[in-house]
């Protein structure tokens, strides 16, 4: 999968989406939202 996300993140999202039976799009949107919030808060480089 080459969508610009780190491999570990893609794997984590896929496992979580499968476990919870949620759509991949929804789980990715949630993760991207958290990622952007972390950047705004200075939590990530």
PDB file of N, CA and C in Angstrom:
ATOM      1  N   UNK A   1       0.855  -1.194   0.000  1.00  0.00           N
ATOM      2  CA  UNK A   1       0.000   0.000   0.000  1.00  0.00           C
ATOM      3  C   UNK A   1       0.890   1.243   0.000  1.00  0.00           C
ATOM      4  N   UNK A   2       0.759   2.062  -1.002  1.00  0.00           N
ATOM      5  CA  UNK A   2       1.620   3.231  -1.129  1.00  0.00           C
ATOM      6  C   UNK A   2       0.768   4.494  -1.135  1.00  0.00           C
ATOM      7  N   UNK A   3       0.259   4.853   0.028  1.00  0.00           N
ATOM      8  CA  UNK A   3      -0.612   6.029   0.109  1.00  0.00           C
ATOM      9  C   UNK A   3       0.018   7.137   0.945  1.00  0.00           C
ATOM     10  N   UNK A   4       1.322   7.014   1.213  1.00  0.00           N
ATOM     11  CA  UNK A   4       2.012   8.060   1.948  1.00  0.00           C
ATOM     12  C   UNK A   4       2.069   7.834   3.451  1.00  0.00           C
ATOM     13  N   UNK A   5       1.353   6.821   3.931  1.00  0.00           N
ATOM     14  CA  UNK A   5       1.385   6.540   5.365  1.00  0.00           C
ATOM     15  C   UNK A   5       2.505   5.554   5.674  1.00  0.00           C
ATOM     16  N   UNK A   6       3.098   5.651   6.859  1.00  0.00           N
ATOM     17  CA  UNK A   6       4.134   4.687   7.251  1.00  0.00           C
ATOM     18  C   UNK A   6       3.580   3.269   7.258  1.00  0.00           C
ATOM     19  N   UNK A   7       4.454   2.305   6.964  1.00  0.00           N
ATOM     20  CA  UNK A   7       4.025   0.906   6.897  1.00  0.00           C
ATOM     21  C   UNK A   7       3.426   0.457   8.225  1.00  0.00           C
ATOM     22  N   UNK A   8       4.069   0.830   9.333  1.00  0.00           N
ATOM     23  CA  UNK A   8       3.571   0.385  10.641  1.00  0.00           C
ATOM     24  C   UNK A   8       2.178   0.943  10.917  1.00  0.00           C
ATOM     25  N   UNK A   9       1.926   2.164  10.423  1.00  0.00           N
ATOM     26  CA  UNK A   9       0.618   2.771  10.643  1.00  0.00           C
ATOM     27  C   UNK A   9      -0.437   2.045   9.822  1.00  0.00           C
ATOM     28  N   UNK A  10      -0.106   1.732   8.571  1.00  0.00           N
ATOM     29  CA  UNK A  10      -1.043   0.995   7.730  1.00  0.00           C
ATOM     30  C   UNK A  10      -1.399  -0.346   8.362  1.00  0.00           C
ATOM     31  N   UNK A  11      -0.379  -1.037   8.890  1.00  0.00           N
ATOM     32  CA  UNK A  11      -0.606  -2.348   9.503  1.00  0.00           C
ATOM     33  C   UNK A  11      -1.493  -2.203  10.731  1.00  0.00           C
ATOM     34  N   UNK A  12      -1.205  -1.199  11.538  1.00  0.00           N
ATOM     35  CA  UNK A  12      -1.981  -0.957  12.758  1.00  0.00           C
ATOM     36  C   UNK A  12      -3.433  -0.645  12.416  1.00  0.00           C
ATOM     37  N   UNK A  13      -3.618   0.186  11.404  1.00  0.00           N
ATOM     38  CA  UNK A  13      -4.974   0.557  10.993  1.00  0.00           C
ATOM     39  C   UNK A  13      -5.731  -0.650  10.480  1.00  0.00           C
ATOM     40  N   UNK A  14      -5.058  -1.467   9.668  1.00  0.00           N
ATOM     41  CA  UNK A  14      -5.711  -2.634   9.081  1.00  0.00           C
ATOM     42  C   UNK A  14      -6.139  -3.606  10.173  1.00  0.00           C
ATOM     43  N   UNK A  15      -5.258  -3.839  11.147  1.00  0.00           N
ATOM     44  CA  UNK A  15      -5.581  -4.768  12.230  1.00  0.00           C
ATOM     45  C   UNK A  15      -6.749  -4.242  13.060  1.00  0.00           C
ATOM     46  N   UNK A  16      -6.727  -2.960  13.362  1.00  0.00           N
ATOM     47  CA  UNK A  16      -7.782  -2.377  14.193  1.00  0.00           C
ATOM     48  C   UNK A  16      -9.112  -2.380  13.451  1.00  0.00           C
ATOM     49  N   UNK A  17      -9.074  -2.022  12.171  1.00  0.00           N
ATOM     50  CA  UNK A  17     -10.299  -1.985  11.378  1.00  0.00           C
ATOM     51  C   UNK A  17     -10.900  -3.380  11.283  1.00  0.00           C
ATOM     52  N   UNK A  18     -10.042  -4.385  11.108  1.00  0.00           N
ATOM     53  CA  UNK A  18     -10.527  -5.754  10.996  1.00  0.00           C
ATOM     54  C   UNK A  18     -11.129  -6.207  12.326  1.00  0.00           C
ATOM     55  N   UNK A  19     -10.449  -5.877  13.420  1.00  0.00           N
ATOM     56  CA  UNK A  19     -10.898  -6.313  14.739  1.00  0.00           C
ATOM     57  C   UNK A  19     -12.242  -5.672  15.102  1.00  0.00           C
ATOM     58  N   UNK A  20     -12.414  -4.426  14.718  1.00  0.00           N
ATOM     59  CA  UNK A  20     -13.629  -3.706  15.094  1.00  0.00           C
ATOM     60  C   UNK A  20     -14.695  -3.770  14.017  1.00  0.00           C
ATOM     61  N   UNK A  21     -14.350  -4.336  12.853  1.00  0.00           N
ATOM     62  CA  UNK A  21     -15.322  -4.439  11.775  1.00  0.00           C
ATOM     63  C   UNK A  21     -15.693  -3.086  11.192  1.00  0.00           C
ATOM     64  N   UNK A  22     -14.782  -2.132  11.288  1.00  0.00           N
ATOM     65  CA  UNK A  22     -15.053  -0.793  10.771  1.00  0.00           C
ATOM     66  C   UNK A  22     -14.488  -0.651   9.365  1.00  0.00           C
ATOM     67  N   UNK A  23     -14.968   0.356   8.659  1.00  0.00           N
ATOM     68  CA  UNK A  23     -14.468   0.582   7.311  1.00  0.00           C
ATOM     69  C   UNK A  23     -13.056   1.144   7.387  1.00  0.00           C
ATOM     70  N   UNK A  24     -12.243   0.771   6.411  1.00  0.00           N
ATOM     71  CA  UNK A  24     -10.858   1.234   6.406  1.00  0.00           C
ATOM     72  C   UNK A  24     -10.794   2.751   6.270  1.00  0.00           C
ATOM     73  N   UNK A  25     -11.693   3.306   5.476  1.00  0.00           N
ATOM     74  CA  UNK A  25     -11.699   4.757   5.281  1.00  0.00           C
ATOM     75  C   UNK A  25     -11.950   5.483   6.597  1.00  0.00           C
ATOM     76  N   UNK A  26     -12.918   4.998   7.357  1.00  0.00           N
ATOM     77  CA  UNK A  26     -13.236   5.637   8.625  1.00  0.00           C
ATOM     78  C   UNK A  26     -12.076   5.589   9.600  1.00  0.00           C
ATOM     79  N   UNK A  27     -11.403   4.443   9.662  1.00  0.00           N
ATOM     80  CA  UNK A  27     -10.295   4.288  10.606  1.00  0.00           C
ATOM     81  C   UNK A  27      -9.107   5.142  10.184  1.00  0.00           C
ATOM     82  N   UNK A  28      -8.919   5.288   8.871  1.00  0.00           N
ATOM     83  CA  UNK A  28      -7.818   6.119   8.377  1.00  0.00           C
ATOM     84  C   UNK A  28      -8.104   7.590   8.668  1.00  0.00           C
ATOM     85  N   UNK A  29      -9.351   7.996   8.462  1.00  0.00           N
ATOM     86  CA  UNK A  29      -9.715   9.384   8.757  1.00  0.00           C
ATOM     87  C   UNK A  29      -9.486   9.689  10.234  1.00  0.00           C
ATOM     88  N   UNK A  30      -9.836   8.730  11.088  1.00  0.00           N
ATOM     89  CA  UNK A  30      -9.638   8.923  12.527  1.00  0.00           C
ATOM     90  C   UNK A  30      -8.156   9.065  12.848  1.00  0.00           C
ATOM     91  N   UNK A  31      -7.352   8.203  12.237  1.00  0.00           N
ATOM     92  CA  UNK A  31      -5.914   8.218  12.496  1.00  0.00           C
ATOM     93  C   UNK A  31      -5.276   9.510  11.982  1.00  0.00           C
ATOM     94  N   UNK A  32      -5.685   9.940  10.797  1.00  0.00           N
ATOM     95  CA  UNK A  32      -5.128  11.175  10.242  1.00  0.00           C
ATOM     96  C   UNK A  32      -5.499  12.367  11.113  1.00  0.00           C
ATOM     97  N   UNK A  33      -6.717  12.362  11.652  1.00  0.00           N
ATOM     98  CA  UNK A  33      -7.136  13.447  12.534  1.00  0.00           C
ATOM     99  C   UNK A  33      -6.250  13.489  13.773  1.00  0.00           C
ATOM    100  N   UNK A  34      -6.001  12.319  14.365  1.00  0.00           N
ATOM    101  CA  UNK A  34      -5.139  12.262  15.547  1.00  0.00           C
ATOM    102  C   UNK A  34      -3.729  12.709  15.192  1.00  0.00           C
ATOM    103  N   UNK A  35      -3.251  12.277  14.007  1.00  0.00           N
ATOM    104  CA  UNK A  35      -1.906  12.615  13.557  1.00  0.00           C
ATOM    105  C   UNK A  35      -1.749  14.127  13.427  1.00  0.00           C
ATOM    106  N   UNK A  36      -2.742  14.774  12.804  1.00  0.00           N
ATOM    107  CA  UNK A  36      -2.685  16.223  12.624  1.00  0.00           C
ATOM    108  C   UNK A  36      -2.762  16.940  13.965  1.00  0.00           C
ATOM    109  N   UNK A  37      -3.574  16.431  14.878  1.00  0.00           N
ATOM    110  CA  UNK A  37      -3.674  17.034  16.207  1.00  0.00           C
ATOM    111  C   UNK A  37      -2.337  16.909  16.934  1.00  0.00           C
ATOM    112  N   UNK A  38      -1.683  15.747  16.805  1.00  0.00           N
ATOM    113  CA  UNK A  38      -0.381  15.549  17.441  1.00  0.00           C
ATOM    114  C   UNK A  38       0.642  16.547  16.905  1.00  0.00           C
ATOM    115  N   UNK A  39       0.607  16.784  15.593  1.00  0.00           N
ATOM    116  CA  UNK A  39       1.538  17.737  14.991  1.00  0.00           C
ATOM    117  C   UNK A  39       1.280  19.138  15.546  1.00  0.00           C
ATOM    118  N   UNK A  40       0.015  19.517  15.632  1.00  0.00           N
ATOM    119  CA  UNK A  40      -0.337  20.843  16.142  1.00  0.00           C
ATOM    120  C   UNK A  40       0.120  21.015  17.590  1.00  0.00           C
ATOM    121  N   UNK A  41       0.094  19.930  18.343  1.00  0.00           N
ATOM    122  CA  UNK A  41       0.484  19.990  19.750  1.00  0.00           C
ATOM    123  C   UNK A  41       1.984  19.782  19.927  1.00  0.00           C
ATOM    124  N   UNK A  42       2.699  19.554  18.818  1.00  0.00           N
ATOM    125  CA  UNK A  42       4.143  19.370  18.893  1.00  0.00           C
ATOM    126  C   UNK A  42       4.533  17.995  19.386  1.00  0.00           C
ATOM    127  N   UNK A  43       3.633  17.023  19.273  1.00  0.00           N
ATOM    128  CA  UNK A  43       3.924  15.680  19.769  1.00  0.00           C
ATOM    129  C   UNK A  43       4.769  14.854  18.819  1.00  0.00           C
ATOM    130  N   UNK A  44       4.818  15.263  17.554  1.00  0.00           N
ATOM    131  CA  UNK A  44       5.610  14.534  16.569  1.00  0.00           C
ATOM    132  C   UNK A  44       6.581  15.489  15.891  1.00  0.00           C
ATOM    133  N   UNK A  45       7.711  14.975  15.434  1.00  0.00           N
ATOM    134  CA  UNK A  45       8.715  15.809  14.760  1.00  0.00           C
ATOM    135  C   UNK A  45       8.186  16.347  13.439  1.00  0.00           C
TER     136      UNK A  45
END
